[in-house]
């Protein structure tokens, strides 16, 4: 049940799911004051016990209802397989507990819409842990666009193309019938919305290059934003390129007065009629971070901080990645699948 005497300086939470990302999520929470993990849930209790020992978390559960009924929680942090997200969100919302859920929000668009609506009706606040928009190079790109140095943006390209062996540490991804758009597209399409606003329509093409996986590993999405800007979003886990960029999202934004290019190794160039300037974006590194994921892992801390401020209910503040906001990204993901299957341009419904 929810802790009625909520102390904004020390919110109690439980982690649901103790797989690959849970360790990094817990380590990121440790970087912030005002939160205390009090319990872990996993269907395989031994996995939860191992993580609980590592992070000195007092309680472990193998039954989700028992956890939610026994612990006094301010929120839950759901880091389980996507097929379980809806179940855990609904159970938490029934008890009036606030919720953070990993992306992708749900296994289907209908589930995502129902989750957002149920949380609204129950009064539980729903946040989505969408961290790509919190990566330092993406924030720096947003600030540079907002400065007006390249004038009005009219065209952009976002690229997440790699040959990184992602299936080695997350083998379940190879079994997904819908892969890169739900896994990477959830990030890249959200970055497009963060940088350029809401989407009016899109057209998508997909491919499966790797014969050892079930789903698509290449997707190219052309977005028309409501602002009129055209954004080409490309993603691939089949790209053997001159320079491996994983896990960076590269970008080129063109405006009426110039362009901004976010390149490999966090280098950002700005070109105008006066010439080109270059700067390198500094990335925080935490001792617990995997060097291969450093830009992603540092963004977890910033994303958590933003959501924590929303959970604490600071006056006039709302976190960026609420369930309602992320639902707009989810609609773009599923519209991309519809476009790829039908060969049509899909208009995005509000």
Protein backbone atom coordinates (compact mmCIF):
# COMPACT_ATOMS: atom_id res chain seq x y z
CA UNK A 1 0.00 0.00 0.00
CA UNK A 2 1.08 3.58 -0.55
CA UNK A 3 2.93 5.41 2.18
CA UNK A 4 0.47 8.14 3.25
CA UNK A 5 3.13 10.11 5.13
CA UNK A 6 5.29 10.62 2.07
CA UNK A 7 8.59 12.35 2.83
CA UNK A 8 9.80 14.11 -0.33
CA UNK A 9 13.36 13.68 0.90
CA UNK A 10 13.15 9.90 1.15
CA UNK A 11 10.79 8.03 -1.17
CA UNK A 12 10.54 4.25 -0.72
CA UNK A 13 10.45 2.14 -3.86
CA UNK A 14 10.61 -1.43 -5.12
CA UNK A 15 12.23 -2.69 -8.30
CA UNK A 16 10.14 -5.16 -10.32
CA UNK A 17 12.41 -7.31 -12.47
CA UNK A 18 16.11 -7.96 -11.86
CA UNK A 19 17.49 -8.61 -15.36
CA UNK A 20 20.29 -6.94 -17.34
CA UNK A 21 19.27 -3.29 -16.82
CA UNK A 22 18.20 -3.49 -13.16
CA UNK A 23 21.77 -3.32 -11.83
CA UNK A 24 22.47 -0.10 -13.72
CA UNK A 25 19.13 1.41 -12.75
CA UNK A 26 19.81 0.74 -9.07
CA UNK A 27 23.33 2.12 -9.35
CA UNK A 28 21.93 5.28 -10.96
CA UNK A 29 19.41 5.71 -8.12
CA UNK A 30 22.35 5.56 -5.70
CA UNK A 31 23.69 8.75 -7.26
CA UNK A 32 20.61 10.67 -6.07
CA UNK A 33 19.43 11.61 -2.60
CA UNK A 34 15.80 11.25 -1.57
CA UNK A 35 15.13 7.64 -2.60
CA UNK A 36 15.56 4.27 -0.89
CA UNK A 37 15.07 0.86 -2.54
CA UNK A 38 13.32 -1.38 -0.01
CA UNK A 39 12.41 -4.50 -2.02
CA UNK A 40 13.02 -6.45 -5.21
CA UNK A 41 10.71 -8.74 -7.16
CA UNK A 42 11.67 -11.43 -9.63
CA UNK A 43 9.94 -14.66 -10.59
CA UNK A 44 13.32 -16.37 -10.19
CA UNK A 45 13.91 -15.42 -6.58
CA UNK A 46 17.59 -16.39 -6.61
CA UNK A 47 18.30 -13.65 -9.18
CA UNK A 48 16.62 -11.08 -6.96
CA UNK A 49 18.49 -12.33 -3.91
CA UNK A 50 21.83 -11.89 -5.66
CA UNK A 51 21.03 -8.29 -6.65
CA UNK A 52 19.58 -7.53 -3.20
CA UNK A 53 22.83 -8.67 -1.60
CA UNK A 54 24.87 -6.51 -3.95
CA UNK A 55 22.82 -3.37 -3.18
CA UNK A 56 21.94 -4.13 0.47
CA UNK A 57 18.20 -4.22 -0.22
CA UNK A 58 16.36 -5.82 2.71
CA UNK A 59 13.40 -7.62 1.09
CA UNK A 60 13.02 -10.01 -1.84
CA UNK A 61 9.74 -11.34 -3.25
CA UNK A 62 8.75 -13.95 -5.81
CA UNK A 63 5.06 -12.96 -5.66
CA UNK A 64 4.14 -9.51 -6.96
CA UNK A 65 0.88 -9.23 -5.00
CA UNK A 66 2.65 -10.06 -1.76
CA UNK A 67 5.22 -7.33 -2.39
CA UNK A 68 2.63 -4.68 -3.27
CA UNK A 69 0.43 -5.58 -0.28
CA UNK A 70 3.13 -5.86 2.36
CA UNK A 71 5.49 -3.01 1.53
CA UNK A 72 4.77 0.69 2.09
CA UNK A 73 5.81 2.10 -1.27
CA UNK A 74 5.85 5.54 -2.81
CA UNK A 75 6.58 4.10 -6.25
CA UNK A 76 7.66 1.03 -8.17
CA UNK A 77 10.35 0.88 -10.85
CA UNK A 78 9.31 -1.73 -13.43
CA UNK A 79 12.32 -3.19 -15.27
CA UNK A 80 10.79 -6.48 -16.43
CA UNK A 81 10.09 -7.94 -19.88
CA UNK A 82 7.71 -5.82 -21.95
CA UNK A 83 5.04 -8.54 -21.96
CA UNK A 84 4.67 -8.10 -18.18
CA UNK A 85 4.52 -4.30 -18.10
CA UNK A 86 0.75 -4.00 -18.38
CA UNK A 87 0.14 -6.54 -15.59
CA UNK A 88 2.54 -4.86 -13.15
CA UNK A 89 1.31 -1.34 -13.98
CA UNK A 90 -2.33 -2.33 -13.42
CA UNK A 91 -1.57 -4.10 -10.12
CA UNK A 92 0.36 -1.07 -8.85
CA UNK A 93 -2.29 1.39 -10.01
CA UNK A 94 -5.02 -0.60 -8.24
CA UNK A 95 -3.16 0.10 -5.00
CA UNK A 96 -2.62 3.78 -5.75
CA UNK A 97 1.15 3.44 -6.11
CA UNK A 98 3.07 5.73 -8.49
CA UNK A 99 4.89 3.95 -11.30
CA UNK A 100 8.04 4.17 -13.40
CA UNK A 101 8.06 1.75 -16.34
CA UNK A 102 10.89 0.95 -18.70
CA UNK A 103 10.39 1.42 -22.41
CA UNK A 104 8.82 0.11 -24.55
CA UNK A 105 5.79 0.93 -22.45
CA UNK A 106 3.73 -2.07 -23.60
CA UNK A 107 3.64 -5.00 -26.01
CA UNK A 108 0.77 -3.43 -28.00
CA UNK A 109 -0.60 0.04 -28.62
CA UNK A 110 -3.93 -0.92 -27.04
CA UNK A 111 -2.17 -2.07 -23.85
CA UNK A 112 -0.22 1.21 -23.68
CA UNK A 113 -3.37 3.31 -24.08
CA UNK A 114 -5.17 1.25 -21.42
CA UNK A 115 -2.24 1.57 -18.99
CA UNK A 116 -2.18 5.35 -19.32
CA UNK A 117 -5.94 5.62 -18.90
CA UNK A 118 -6.05 3.26 -15.88
CA UNK A 119 -3.33 5.22 -14.11
CA UNK A 120 -5.21 8.44 -14.81
CA UNK A 121 -8.41 6.98 -13.34
CA UNK A 122 -6.65 5.54 -10.27
CA UNK A 123 -4.65 8.67 -9.52
CA UNK A 124 -1.33 6.84 -9.84
CA UNK A 125 1.26 8.87 -11.69
CA UNK A 126 2.90 6.97 -14.55
CA UNK A 127 6.38 7.81 -15.83
CA UNK A 128 8.39 6.07 -18.56
CA UNK A 129 12.12 5.59 -18.19
CA UNK A 130 13.02 6.94 -21.63
CA UNK A 131 16.66 7.98 -21.24
CA UNK A 132 17.95 8.64 -24.79
CA UNK A 133 16.63 12.21 -24.73
CA UNK A 134 18.67 12.66 -21.52
CA UNK A 135 22.00 11.80 -23.13
CA UNK A 136 24.30 14.80 -22.89
CA UNK A 137 24.93 15.12 -26.67
CA UNK A 138 21.18 15.13 -27.36
CA UNK A 139 20.57 17.79 -24.68
CA UNK A 140 23.43 19.87 -26.12
CA UNK A 141 21.96 19.54 -29.61
CA UNK A 142 18.56 20.71 -28.35
CA UNK A 143 20.14 23.73 -26.67
CA UNK A 144 22.09 24.63 -29.79
CA UNK A 145 18.95 24.46 -31.97
CA UNK A 146 17.06 26.60 -29.44
CA UNK A 147 19.81 29.23 -29.52
CA UNK A 148 18.72 30.15 -33.05
CA UNK A 149 22.22 29.92 -34.49
CA UNK A 150 21.02 27.88 -37.51
CA UNK A 151 17.73 29.73 -37.86
CA UNK A 152 14.53 27.75 -38.40
CA UNK A 153 15.20 23.99 -38.73
CA UNK A 154 13.53 22.45 -41.79
CA UNK A 155 15.29 19.10 -42.26
CA UNK A 156 17.00 16.54 -40.03
CA UNK A 157 18.55 13.09 -39.97
CA UNK A 158 18.83 10.88 -36.88
CA UNK A 159 20.98 7.77 -37.15
CA UNK A 160 21.43 4.77 -34.86
CA UNK A 161 23.22 2.26 -37.10
CA UNK A 162 25.58 -0.32 -35.65
CA UNK A 163 26.95 -3.85 -35.75
CA UNK A 164 27.23 -4.04 -31.95
CA UNK A 165 26.48 -7.61 -30.74
CA UNK A 166 23.42 -6.57 -28.74
CA UNK A 167 22.08 -10.14 -28.68
CA UNK A 168 25.05 -11.33 -26.62
CA UNK A 169 23.98 -9.64 -23.38
CA UNK A 170 20.27 -9.49 -24.19
CA UNK A 171 19.56 -12.79 -26.03
CA UNK A 172 15.79 -12.41 -25.63
CA UNK A 173 15.90 -9.64 -28.24
CA UNK A 174 16.61 -12.23 -30.93
CA UNK A 175 13.27 -13.89 -30.16
CA UNK A 176 11.13 -10.78 -30.61
CA UNK A 177 8.89 -10.88 -33.68
CA UNK A 178 8.99 -7.07 -33.64
CA UNK A 179 12.48 -5.94 -32.74
CA UNK A 180 14.28 -2.80 -33.81
CA UNK A 181 11.32 -0.42 -33.93
CA UNK A 182 10.21 -1.37 -30.42
CA UNK A 183 13.73 -1.57 -29.00
CA UNK A 184 15.61 1.26 -30.76
CA UNK A 185 12.71 3.03 -32.45
CA UNK A 186 11.15 3.77 -29.06
CA UNK A 187 14.31 5.77 -28.34
CA UNK A 188 15.01 7.37 -31.71
CA UNK A 189 11.42 8.43 -32.43
CA UNK A 190 11.22 9.89 -28.93
CA UNK A 191 14.41 11.87 -29.62
CA UNK A 192 12.79 13.19 -32.80
CA UNK A 193 9.78 14.36 -30.80
CA UNK A 194 12.02 15.87 -28.11
CA UNK A 195 14.02 17.84 -30.66
CA UNK A 196 11.33 18.83 -33.17
CA UNK A 197 7.88 18.48 -31.58
CA UNK A 198 4.99 16.21 -32.42
CA UNK A 199 4.67 14.07 -35.56
CA UNK A 200 2.01 14.68 -38.21
CA UNK A 201 2.63 11.64 -40.43
CA UNK A 202 5.26 9.03 -41.27
CA UNK A 203 6.37 6.45 -43.82
CA UNK A 204 8.45 3.41 -42.87
CA UNK A 205 10.44 0.60 -44.51
CA UNK A 206 11.87 -2.38 -42.59
CA UNK A 207 14.17 -5.34 -43.29
CA UNK A 208 15.52 -8.44 -41.54
CA UNK A 209 19.18 -8.89 -42.50
CA UNK A 210 20.33 -11.22 -39.71
CA UNK A 211 18.84 -14.69 -40.42
CA UNK A 212 19.34 -15.74 -36.81
CA UNK A 213 16.66 -13.42 -35.37
CA UNK A 214 12.89 -13.33 -35.67
CA UNK A 215 12.18 -9.62 -36.04
CA UNK A 216 13.36 -6.74 -38.20
CA UNK A 217 16.88 -5.39 -37.58
CA UNK A 218 16.71 -2.45 -40.02
CA UNK A 219 14.12 0.33 -40.12
CA UNK A 220 14.00 3.65 -41.93
CA UNK A 221 11.27 6.11 -40.94
CA UNK A 222 10.56 9.42 -42.68
CA UNK A 223 8.68 11.71 -40.31
CA UNK A 224 6.77 14.85 -41.18
CA UNK A 225 6.61 16.93 -38.01
CA UNK A 226 3.71 19.26 -37.25
CA UNK A 227 6.19 22.13 -37.56
CA UNK A 228 6.71 21.14 -41.22
CA UNK A 229 10.23 19.80 -40.62
CA UNK A 230 11.15 16.53 -42.33
CA UNK A 231 13.11 14.07 -40.17
CA UNK A 232 14.70 10.92 -41.56
CA UNK A 233 15.22 8.42 -38.71
CA UNK A 234 17.37 5.40 -39.58
CA UNK A 235 18.18 2.49 -37.28
CA UNK A 236 20.04 -0.76 -37.80
CA UNK A 237 21.87 -3.53 -35.96
CA UNK A 238 23.22 -4.93 -39.24
CA UNK A 239 25.51 -2.05 -40.25
CA UNK A 240 29.22 -2.83 -40.62
CA UNK A 241 30.55 0.71 -41.03
CA UNK A 242 33.94 2.39 -41.17
CA UNK A 243 33.48 3.61 -37.60
CA UNK A 244 31.32 1.85 -35.00
CA UNK A 245 29.14 4.41 -33.25
CA UNK A 246 27.28 2.29 -30.67
CA UNK A 247 25.55 3.47 -28.53
CA UNK A 248 25.56 6.99 -29.93
CA UNK A 249 22.69 8.58 -31.83
CA UNK A 250 24.18 10.70 -34.60
CA UNK A 251 22.32 13.69 -36.02
CA UNK A 252 22.37 16.32 -38.76
CA UNK A 253 19.98 19.26 -38.45
CA UNK A 254 19.65 21.81 -41.25
CA UNK A 255 18.19 25.28 -40.73
CA UNK A 256 17.67 28.46 -42.70
CA UNK A 257 20.97 29.92 -41.40
CA UNK A 258 23.16 26.84 -41.10
CA UNK A 259 23.46 23.29 -39.83
CA UNK A 260 24.45 21.31 -36.74
CA UNK A 261 26.17 17.95 -37.05
CA UNK A 262 26.40 15.58 -34.06
CA UNK A 263 29.19 13.19 -35.01
CA UNK A 264 31.09 10.21 -33.60
CA UNK A 265 32.83 10.55 -30.25
CA UNK A 266 30.40 13.27 -29.11
CA UNK A 267 31.76 15.89 -31.49
CA UNK A 268 29.34 18.63 -32.54
CA UNK A 269 29.99 21.05 -35.40
CA UNK A 270 27.98 24.15 -36.28
CA UNK A 271 28.26 25.47 -39.84
CA UNK A 272 26.99 28.88 -40.95
CA UNK A 273 28.00 31.34 -43.68
CA UNK A 274 30.63 32.63 -41.25
CA UNK A 275 32.33 29.23 -41.05
CA UNK A 276 32.36 26.06 -38.93
CA UNK A 277 32.99 25.68 -35.21
CA UNK A 278 33.57 22.40 -33.37
CA UNK A 279 33.11 21.33 -29.77
CA UNK A 280 33.26 18.01 -27.95
CA UNK A 281 30.43 17.20 -25.55
CA UNK A 282 31.65 16.04 -22.14
CA UNK A 283 30.12 12.77 -20.92
CA UNK A 284 30.02 11.99 -17.17
CA UNK A 285 31.47 8.60 -16.29
CA UNK A 286 30.37 6.67 -13.23
CA UNK A 287 32.48 3.84 -11.77
CA UNK A 288 29.58 1.39 -12.12
CA UNK A 289 28.97 2.17 -15.80
CA UNK A 290 29.89 -0.22 -18.57
CA UNK A 291 32.35 1.73 -20.80
CA UNK A 292 30.53 0.43 -23.90
CA UNK A 293 27.31 2.03 -22.63
CA UNK A 294 28.78 5.07 -20.83
CA UNK A 295 26.69 7.72 -22.59
CA UNK A 296 23.54 5.67 -21.94
CA UNK A 297 24.33 4.85 -18.32
CA UNK A 298 25.08 8.47 -17.42
CA UNK A 299 21.74 9.47 -18.94
CA UNK A 300 19.96 7.08 -16.57
CA UNK A 301 21.00 9.31 -13.66
CA UNK A 302 19.65 12.45 -15.36
CA UNK A 303 16.41 10.71 -16.37
CA UNK A 304 15.93 9.39 -12.82
CA UNK A 305 16.56 12.85 -11.40
CA UNK A 306 13.89 14.39 -13.61
CA UNK A 307 11.34 11.69 -12.73
CA UNK A 308 12.21 11.98 -9.03
CA UNK A 309 11.37 15.68 -9.15
CA UNK A 310 8.01 14.74 -10.64
CA UNK A 311 7.43 12.11 -7.95
CA UNK A 312 8.27 14.61 -5.24
CA UNK A 313 5.53 16.85 -6.57
CA UNK A 314 7.55 20.03 -6.83
CA UNK A 315 5.26 22.98 -7.44
CA UNK A 316 4.76 23.79 -11.11
CA UNK A 317 7.01 20.93 -12.23
CA UNK A 318 6.16 17.92 -14.39
CA UNK A 319 8.69 15.32 -15.51
CA UNK A 320 9.33 15.12 -19.26
CA UNK A 321 8.62 11.43 -19.82
CA UNK A 322 5.17 10.95 -18.38
CA UNK A 323 3.05 8.06 -19.57
CA UNK A 324 0.80 10.46 -21.48
CA UNK A 325 3.77 12.02 -23.29
CA UNK A 326 5.42 8.68 -24.07
CA UNK A 327 2.15 7.40 -25.51
CA UNK A 328 2.77 9.80 -28.42
CA UNK A 329 6.05 8.00 -29.12
CA UNK A 330 4.38 4.60 -28.76
CA UNK A 331 1.83 5.63 -31.40
CA UNK A 332 4.68 6.52 -33.76
CA UNK A 333 6.30 3.10 -33.23
CA UNK A 334 3.11 1.22 -34.07
CA UNK A 335 2.29 3.56 -36.95
CA UNK A 336 5.73 2.68 -38.35
CA UNK A 337 4.84 -1.01 -38.29
CA UNK A 338 1.52 -0.25 -39.97
CA UNK A 339 3.28 1.76 -42.66
CA UNK A 340 5.87 -0.97 -43.29
CA UNK A 341 3.14 -3.60 -43.59
CA UNK A 342 0.79 -1.59 -45.81
CA UNK A 343 3.19 0.58 -47.79
CA UNK A 344 1.16 3.67 -46.87
CA UNK A 345 1.89 7.00 -45.25
CA UNK A 346 0.26 6.93 -41.81
CA UNK A 347 -1.22 10.01 -40.18
CA UNK A 348 -0.58 10.14 -36.45
CA UNK A 349 -3.73 10.52 -34.38
CA UNK A 350 -3.64 12.71 -31.28
